[in-house]
């Protein structure tokens, strides 16, 4: 599949969603109530982003977005 040029705000939202879940998975996370609410808000923003109305195959593009953001996070961590 060709690389998709995602909007910056969509990539940032997905990265924030990933970071929130990583924070929840950490031992003894702080402020768990806020951490549990944040993915819900971010999920709504991800799901209803206007980009998906123009994506040729939204399910495939959503999967690519998740993989791309996860890979970028792994590169930054290394």
Foldseek 3Di string as FASTA:
>chain_A
DDDDDDDPVLLVLLLVLVVLVVQVPDPPRPPVVVSVVSNVVSVVCNVPPPVLVVDPDNVVVVVSSNVVSVVVVVVVVD
